[in-house]
Amino acid sequence: MEKAKMLGLSGWCKNKEDGSVEIVAEGKPELMQQLIDWCHHGPESAEVNNVLVEEIESGGFDAFVIRRS
């Protein structure tokens, strides 16, 4: 979530039992795209096998759920 905070996005993340990471973030679409791109390329020294982006409505705002496994 550090990257999301650096971009000025709000939200949360959690490690799931299956070993994947779920990130829920809200913010401006162009900043969200930067976070999605970062997830696709993976943070330094992290293995990213798959990124699933799902747009959701959260409290009247557009948000994304990003699942990395």
C-alpha atoms as a PDB file:
ATOM      1  CA  MET A   1       0.000   0.000   0.000  1.00  0.00           C
ATOM      2  CA  GLU A   2       3.055   2.207   0.245  1.00  0.00           C
ATOM      3  CA  LYS A   3       2.954   2.811  -3.522  1.00  0.00           C
ATOM      4  CA  ALA A   4      -0.730   3.771  -3.326  1.00  0.00           C
ATOM      5  CA  LYS A   5       0.024   6.256  -0.542  1.00  0.00           C
ATOM      6  CA  MET A   6       2.884   7.711  -2.607  1.00  0.00           C
ATOM      7  CA  LEU A   7       0.380   8.297  -5.411  1.00  0.00           C
ATOM      8  CA  GLY A   8      -2.102   9.960  -3.042  1.00  0.00           C
ATOM      9  CA  LEU A   9      -4.619   7.098  -3.189  1.00  0.00           C
ATOM     10  CA  SER A  10      -6.602   5.826  -0.241  1.00  0.00           C
ATOM     11  CA  GLY A  11      -7.505   2.239   0.501  1.00  0.00           C
ATOM     12  CA  TRP A  12      -6.154  -0.932   2.049  1.00  0.00           C
ATOM     13  CA  CYS A  13      -4.502  -4.221   1.228  1.00  0.00           C
ATOM     14  CA  LYS A  14      -4.443  -7.663   2.790  1.00  0.00           C
ATOM     15  CA  ASN A  15      -2.640 -10.948   2.358  1.00  0.00           C
ATOM     16  CA  LYS A  16      -5.077 -13.720   1.510  1.00  0.00           C
ATOM     17  CA  GLU A  17      -4.904 -17.345   2.647  1.00  0.00           C
ATOM     18  CA  ASP A  18      -4.104 -18.552  -0.884  1.00  0.00           C
ATOM     19  CA  GLY A  19      -0.890 -16.487  -0.925  1.00  0.00           C
ATOM     20  CA  SER A  20      -2.284 -13.681  -3.076  1.00  0.00           C
ATOM     21  CA  VAL A  21      -2.549 -10.014  -2.124  1.00  0.00           C
ATOM     22  CA  GLU A  22      -5.758  -8.017  -2.419  1.00  0.00           C
ATOM     23  CA  ILE A  23      -5.447  -4.253  -2.860  1.00  0.00           C
ATOM     24  CA  VAL A  24      -8.466  -1.961  -2.726  1.00  0.00           C
ATOM     25  CA  ALA A  25      -7.724   1.645  -3.652  1.00  0.00           C
ATOM     26  CA  GLU A  26      -9.647   4.802  -4.495  1.00  0.00           C
ATOM     27  CA  GLY A  27      -8.537   7.910  -6.306  1.00  0.00           C
ATOM     28  CA  LYS A  28      -8.197   9.714  -9.602  1.00  0.00           C
ATOM     29  CA  PRO A  29      -8.308   7.395 -12.631  1.00  0.00           C
ATOM     30  CA  GLU A  30      -4.862   8.446 -13.888  1.00  0.00           C
ATOM     31  CA  LEU A  31      -3.318   7.693 -10.490  1.00  0.00           C
ATOM     32  CA  MET A  32      -5.171   4.391 -10.304  1.00  0.00           C
ATOM     33  CA  GLN A  33      -3.687   3.478 -13.683  1.00  0.00           C
ATOM     34  CA  GLN A  34      -0.204   4.181 -12.350  1.00  0.00           C
ATOM     35  CA  LEU A  35      -0.867   1.800  -9.442  1.00  0.00           C
ATOM     36  CA  ILE A  36      -2.240  -0.863 -11.804  1.00  0.00           C
ATOM     37  CA  ASP A  37       0.806  -0.512 -14.074  1.00  0.00           C
ATOM     38  CA  TRP A  38       3.098  -0.822 -11.049  1.00  0.00           C
ATOM     39  CA  CYS A  39       1.267  -3.989  -9.969  1.00  0.00           C
ATOM     40  CA  HIS A  40       1.639  -5.488 -13.449  1.00  0.00           C
ATOM     41  CA  HIS A  41       5.385  -4.895 -13.433  1.00  0.00           C
ATOM     42  CA  GLY A  42       5.753  -5.880  -9.804  1.00  0.00           C
ATOM     43  CA  PRO A  43       7.509  -4.104  -6.995  1.00  0.00           C
ATOM     44  CA  GLU A  44      11.246  -4.618  -6.772  1.00  0.00           C
ATOM     45  CA  SER A  45      12.193  -8.179  -5.862  1.00  0.00           C
ATOM     46  CA  ALA A  46       8.569  -9.402  -5.856  1.00  0.00           C
ATOM     47  CA  GLU A  47       7.179 -12.154  -8.025  1.00  0.00           C
ATOM     48  CA  VAL A  48       3.915 -11.181  -9.698  1.00  0.00           C
ATOM     49  CA  ASN A  49       2.278 -13.999 -11.619  1.00  0.00           C
ATOM     50  CA  ASN A  50      -1.109 -12.497 -12.349  1.00  0.00           C
ATOM     51  CA  VAL A  51      -2.907  -9.192 -11.854  1.00  0.00           C
ATOM     52  CA  LEU A  52      -6.701  -9.057 -11.947  1.00  0.00           C
ATOM     53  CA  VAL A  53      -8.236  -5.580 -12.007  1.00  0.00           C
ATOM     54  CA  GLU A  54     -11.892  -5.224 -11.155  1.00  0.00           C
ATOM     55  CA  GLU A  55     -13.665  -1.863 -11.092  1.00  0.00           C
ATOM     56  CA  ILE A  56     -16.116  -1.526  -8.228  1.00  0.00           C
ATOM     57  CA  GLU A  57     -18.325   1.206  -6.812  1.00  0.00           C
ATOM     58  CA  SER A  58     -17.381   2.109  -3.286  1.00  0.00           C
ATOM     59  CA  GLY A  59     -19.296   4.783  -1.433  1.00  0.00           C
ATOM     60  CA  GLY A  60     -20.262   6.491  -4.667  1.00  0.00           C
ATOM     61  CA  PHE A  61     -16.677   6.641  -5.956  1.00  0.00           C
ATOM     62  CA  ASP A  62     -14.995   4.563  -8.610  1.00  0.00           C
ATOM     63  CA  ALA A  63     -12.388   2.252  -7.130  1.00  0.00           C
ATOM     64  CA  PHE A  64     -10.462  -0.807  -8.141  1.00  0.00           C
ATOM     65  CA  VAL A  65      -9.766  -4.111  -6.528  1.00  0.00           C
ATOM     66  CA  ILE A  66      -6.364  -5.369  -7.599  1.00  0.00           C
ATOM     67  CA  ARG A  67      -5.636  -9.004  -6.870  1.00  0.00           C
ATOM     68  CA  ARG A  68      -2.099 -10.210  -7.272  1.00  0.00           C
ATOM     69  CA  SER A  69      -1.161 -13.856  -7.059  1.00  0.00           C
END
